[in-house]
């Protein structure tokens, strides 16, 4: 750990207004998880927003793939009788989009120690416990 690292804000992050409703839900779920780990900080709002957006994108792409399938038929050629003589089967664009969103989300989640391997590399600071009688001095 770097003893000269800047101190992160002690405030809990709030979802920015530009997140969609679903991404804001994911943001709040992530904040709850990292709060329990003792690493939640308003200083990380932008990173958490990116993770939430990418995880929402994974959900959207997954729904598209479930509806349309992983592939589609393109460039169908037919003869005079209506029989297919050639066609191309292509991968649905949402498959590649989801894969990229998953890779990016995994990378961002690791920054917060939200994978088994990454968790061992993240240091959490525990807040100083306040003495409830300290003000009575």
C-alpha atoms as a PDB file:
ATOM      1  CA  UNK A   1       0.000   0.000   0.000  1.00  0.00           C
ATOM      2  CA  UNK A   2       1.215   3.489  -0.824  1.00  0.00           C
ATOM      3  CA  UNK A   3       1.416   5.542   2.383  1.00  0.00           C
ATOM      4  CA  UNK A   4       1.423   8.740   0.287  1.00  0.00           C
ATOM      5  CA  UNK A   5      -1.708   7.881  -1.697  1.00  0.00           C
ATOM      6  CA  UNK A   6      -4.367  10.601  -1.693  1.00  0.00           C
ATOM      7  CA  UNK A   7      -7.180  10.048   0.759  1.00  0.00           C
ATOM      8  CA  UNK A   8     -10.508   9.060  -0.775  1.00  0.00           C
ATOM      9  CA  UNK A   9     -13.687  10.767   0.336  1.00  0.00           C
ATOM     10  CA  UNK A  10     -15.444   9.104   3.262  1.00  0.00           C
ATOM     11  CA  UNK A  11     -18.847   9.956   1.767  1.00  0.00           C
ATOM     12  CA  UNK A  12     -20.908   7.193   0.199  1.00  0.00           C
ATOM     13  CA  UNK A  13     -21.302   7.701  -3.561  1.00  0.00           C
ATOM     14  CA  UNK A  14     -24.645   8.733  -5.053  1.00  0.00           C
ATOM     15  CA  UNK A  15     -25.733   7.643  -8.524  1.00  0.00           C
ATOM     16  CA  UNK A  16     -25.357  10.510 -10.996  1.00  0.00           C
ATOM     17  CA  UNK A  17     -28.522  11.827 -12.646  1.00  0.00           C
ATOM     18  CA  UNK A  18     -27.413  10.784 -16.139  1.00  0.00           C
ATOM     19  CA  UNK A  19     -27.570   7.061 -15.353  1.00  0.00           C
ATOM     20  CA  UNK A  20     -30.673   5.263 -16.581  1.00  0.00           C
ATOM     21  CA  UNK A  21     -33.061   3.930 -13.950  1.00  0.00           C
ATOM     22  CA  UNK A  22     -31.681   0.379 -14.318  1.00  0.00           C
ATOM     23  CA  UNK A  23     -28.042   1.506 -14.236  1.00  0.00           C
ATOM     24  CA  UNK A  24     -28.828   3.538 -11.088  1.00  0.00           C
ATOM     25  CA  UNK A  25     -30.209   0.352  -9.474  1.00  0.00           C
ATOM     26  CA  UNK A  26     -27.027  -1.517 -10.373  1.00  0.00           C
ATOM     27  CA  UNK A  27     -24.974   1.423  -9.055  1.00  0.00           C
ATOM     28  CA  UNK A  28     -26.768   1.218  -5.700  1.00  0.00           C
ATOM     29  CA  UNK A  29     -26.233  -2.565  -5.542  1.00  0.00           C
ATOM     30  CA  UNK A  30     -22.522  -2.068  -6.154  1.00  0.00           C
ATOM     31  CA  UNK A  31     -22.341   0.659  -3.504  1.00  0.00           C
ATOM     32  CA  UNK A  32     -23.993  -1.692  -1.000  1.00  0.00           C
ATOM     33  CA  UNK A  33     -21.434  -4.397  -1.771  1.00  0.00           C
ATOM     34  CA  UNK A  34     -18.369  -2.170  -1.547  1.00  0.00           C
ATOM     35  CA  UNK A  35     -19.746  -0.426   1.535  1.00  0.00           C
ATOM     36  CA  UNK A  36     -19.834  -3.808   3.221  1.00  0.00           C
ATOM     37  CA  UNK A  37     -16.209  -4.279   2.186  1.00  0.00           C
ATOM     38  CA  UNK A  38     -15.271  -0.901   3.681  1.00  0.00           C
ATOM     39  CA  UNK A  39     -14.142   0.658   0.389  1.00  0.00           C
ATOM     40  CA  UNK A  40     -17.119   2.789  -0.696  1.00  0.00           C
ATOM     41  CA  UNK A  41     -16.137   6.344  -1.535  1.00  0.00           C
ATOM     42  CA  UNK A  42     -17.779   9.217  -3.378  1.00  0.00           C
ATOM     43  CA  UNK A  43     -14.371   9.651  -5.008  1.00  0.00           C
ATOM     44  CA  UNK A  44     -15.193   6.552  -7.087  1.00  0.00           C
ATOM     45  CA  UNK A  45     -18.544   7.743  -8.449  1.00  0.00           C
ATOM     46  CA  UNK A  46     -17.325   7.918 -12.057  1.00  0.00           C
ATOM     47  CA  UNK A  47     -15.832   4.409 -11.989  1.00  0.00           C
ATOM     48  CA  UNK A  48     -18.931   2.949 -10.351  1.00  0.00           C
ATOM     49  CA  UNK A  49     -21.087   4.695 -12.953  1.00  0.00           C
ATOM     50  CA  UNK A  50     -19.070   3.109 -15.754  1.00  0.00           C
ATOM     51  CA  UNK A  51     -19.404  -0.340 -14.185  1.00  0.00           C
ATOM     52  CA  UNK A  52     -23.151   0.129 -13.745  1.00  0.00           C
ATOM     53  CA  UNK A  53     -23.550   1.298 -17.355  1.00  0.00           C
ATOM     54  CA  UNK A  54     -21.555  -1.632 -18.709  1.00  0.00           C
ATOM     55  CA  UNK A  55     -23.484  -4.160 -16.595  1.00  0.00           C
ATOM     56  CA  UNK A  56     -26.732  -2.664 -17.857  1.00  0.00           C
ATOM     57  CA  UNK A  57     -25.394  -3.016 -21.396  1.00  0.00           C
ATOM     58  CA  UNK A  58     -24.701  -6.700 -20.709  1.00  0.00           C
ATOM     59  CA  UNK A  59     -28.334  -7.104 -19.633  1.00  0.00           C
ATOM     60  CA  UNK A  60     -29.654  -5.283 -22.726  1.00  0.00           C
ATOM     61  CA  UNK A  61     -27.487  -7.274 -25.134  1.00  0.00           C
ATOM     62  CA  UNK A  62     -28.444 -10.529 -23.412  1.00  0.00           C
ATOM     63  CA  UNK A  63     -32.140  -9.720 -23.873  1.00  0.00           C
ATOM     64  CA  UNK A  64     -31.528  -8.931 -27.554  1.00  0.00           C
ATOM     65  CA  UNK A  65     -29.697 -12.235 -28.039  1.00  0.00           C
ATOM     66  CA  UNK A  66     -32.441 -14.168 -26.254  1.00  0.00           C
ATOM     67  CA  UNK A  67     -35.059 -12.566 -28.512  1.00  0.00           C
ATOM     68  CA  UNK A  68     -33.238 -12.727 -31.848  1.00  0.00           C
ATOM     69  CA  UNK A  69     -30.735 -15.554 -31.384  1.00  0.00           C
ATOM     70  CA  UNK A  70     -26.964 -15.563 -31.693  1.00  0.00           C
ATOM     71  CA  UNK A  71     -27.010 -15.596 -35.500  1.00  0.00           C
ATOM     72  CA  UNK A  72     -29.100 -14.293 -38.374  1.00  0.00           C
ATOM     73  CA  UNK A  73     -29.450 -15.126 -42.048  1.00  0.00           C
ATOM     74  CA  UNK A  74     -28.216 -12.560 -44.549  1.00  0.00           C
ATOM     75  CA  UNK A  75     -27.814 -12.263 -48.337  1.00  0.00           C
ATOM     76  CA  UNK A  76     -30.385 -14.897 -49.227  1.00  0.00           C
ATOM     77  CA  UNK A  77     -30.479 -15.709 -52.940  1.00  0.00           C
ATOM     78  CA  UNK A  78     -33.421 -17.585 -54.402  1.00  0.00           C
ATOM     79  CA  UNK A  79     -34.081 -19.199 -57.723  1.00  0.00           C
ATOM     80  CA  UNK A  80     -37.137 -18.598 -59.932  1.00  0.00           C
ATOM     81  CA  UNK A  81     -39.146 -21.178 -57.990  1.00  0.00           C
ATOM     82  CA  UNK A  82     -38.472 -19.581 -54.593  1.00  0.00           C
ATOM     83  CA  UNK A  83     -35.885 -22.102 -53.452  1.00  0.00           C
ATOM     84  CA  UNK A  84     -32.907 -20.828 -51.500  1.00  0.00           C
ATOM     85  CA  UNK A  85     -29.720 -21.249 -53.495  1.00  0.00           C
ATOM     86  CA  UNK A  86     -27.357 -19.425 -51.144  1.00  0.00           C
ATOM     87  CA  UNK A  87     -27.375 -17.589 -47.854  1.00  0.00           C
ATOM     88  CA  UNK A  88     -24.958 -16.242 -45.289  1.00  0.00           C
ATOM     89  CA  UNK A  89     -25.284 -16.867 -41.587  1.00  0.00           C
ATOM     90  CA  UNK A  90     -23.761 -14.066 -39.543  1.00  0.00           C
ATOM     91  CA  UNK A  91     -23.251 -13.509 -35.841  1.00  0.00           C
ATOM     92  CA  UNK A  92     -25.699 -11.139 -34.192  1.00  0.00           C
ATOM     93  CA  UNK A  93     -23.920  -7.824 -33.435  1.00  0.00           C
ATOM     94  CA  UNK A  94     -25.207  -7.936 -29.851  1.00  0.00           C
ATOM     95  CA  UNK A  95     -23.025 -11.008 -29.188  1.00  0.00           C
ATOM     96  CA  UNK A  96     -19.827  -9.024 -29.813  1.00  0.00           C
ATOM     97  CA  UNK A  97     -21.219  -5.967 -28.002  1.00  0.00           C
ATOM     98  CA  UNK A  98     -22.059  -8.074 -24.946  1.00  0.00           C
ATOM     99  CA  UNK A  99     -18.657  -9.725 -24.975  1.00  0.00           C
ATOM    100  CA  UNK A 100     -16.909  -6.337 -25.036  1.00  0.00           C
ATOM    101  CA  UNK A 101     -19.165  -4.971 -22.276  1.00  0.00           C
ATOM    102  CA  UNK A 102     -18.449  -8.062 -20.156  1.00  0.00           C
ATOM    103  CA  UNK A 103     -14.674  -7.684 -20.587  1.00  0.00           C
ATOM    104  CA  UNK A 104     -14.816  -3.997 -19.678  1.00  0.00           C
ATOM    105  CA  UNK A 105     -17.129  -4.618 -16.704  1.00  0.00           C
ATOM    106  CA  UNK A 106     -14.857  -7.405 -15.445  1.00  0.00           C
ATOM    107  CA  UNK A 107     -11.872  -5.067 -15.627  1.00  0.00           C
ATOM    108  CA  UNK A 108     -13.722  -2.315 -13.760  1.00  0.00           C
ATOM    109  CA  UNK A 109     -15.103  -4.716 -11.140  1.00  0.00           C
ATOM    110  CA  UNK A 110     -11.581  -5.952 -10.457  1.00  0.00           C
ATOM    111  CA  UNK A 111     -10.582  -2.373  -9.611  1.00  0.00           C
ATOM    112  CA  UNK A 112     -12.941  -2.636  -6.636  1.00  0.00           C
ATOM    113  CA  UNK A 113     -11.856  -6.145  -5.674  1.00  0.00           C
ATOM    114  CA  UNK A 114     -15.140  -7.617  -6.883  1.00  0.00           C
ATOM    115  CA  UNK A 115     -13.701 -10.901  -8.085  1.00  0.00           C
ATOM    116  CA  UNK A 116     -12.122 -13.630  -5.957  1.00  0.00           C
ATOM    117  CA  UNK A 117      -8.616 -13.004  -7.333  1.00  0.00           C
ATOM    118  CA  UNK A 118      -8.870  -9.213  -7.204  1.00  0.00           C
ATOM    119  CA  UNK A 119     -10.317  -9.181  -3.687  1.00  0.00           C
ATOM    120  CA  UNK A 120      -7.012 -10.347  -2.245  1.00  0.00           C
ATOM    121  CA  UNK A 121      -5.255  -7.330  -3.792  1.00  0.00           C
ATOM    122  CA  UNK A 122      -7.554  -4.591  -2.462  1.00  0.00           C
ATOM    123  CA  UNK A 123      -6.821  -2.928   0.863  1.00  0.00           C
ATOM    124  CA  UNK A 124      -9.750  -1.641   2.842  1.00  0.00           C
ATOM    125  CA  UNK A 125      -9.470   0.954   5.527  1.00  0.00           C
ATOM    126  CA  UNK A 126     -11.750   0.720   8.478  1.00  0.00           C
ATOM    127  CA  UNK A 127     -13.190   4.012   9.676  1.00  0.00           C
ATOM    128  CA  UNK A 128     -12.073   5.268  13.047  1.00  0.00           C
ATOM    129  CA  UNK A 129     -14.637   4.357  15.623  1.00  0.00           C
ATOM    130  CA  UNK A 130     -15.883   7.450  17.334  1.00  0.00           C
ATOM    131  CA  UNK A 131     -16.054   7.411  21.089  1.00  0.00           C
ATOM    132  CA  UNK A 132     -19.652   8.303  21.954  1.00  0.00           C
ATOM    133  CA  UNK A 133     -18.421   9.822  25.219  1.00  0.00           C
ATOM    134  CA  UNK A 134     -15.541  11.779  23.666  1.00  0.00           C
ATOM    135  CA  UNK A 135     -17.550  15.033  23.496  1.00  0.00           C
ATOM    136  CA  UNK A 136     -18.274  14.918  27.227  1.00  0.00           C
ATOM    137  CA  UNK A 137     -14.579  15.361  28.088  1.00  0.00           C
END
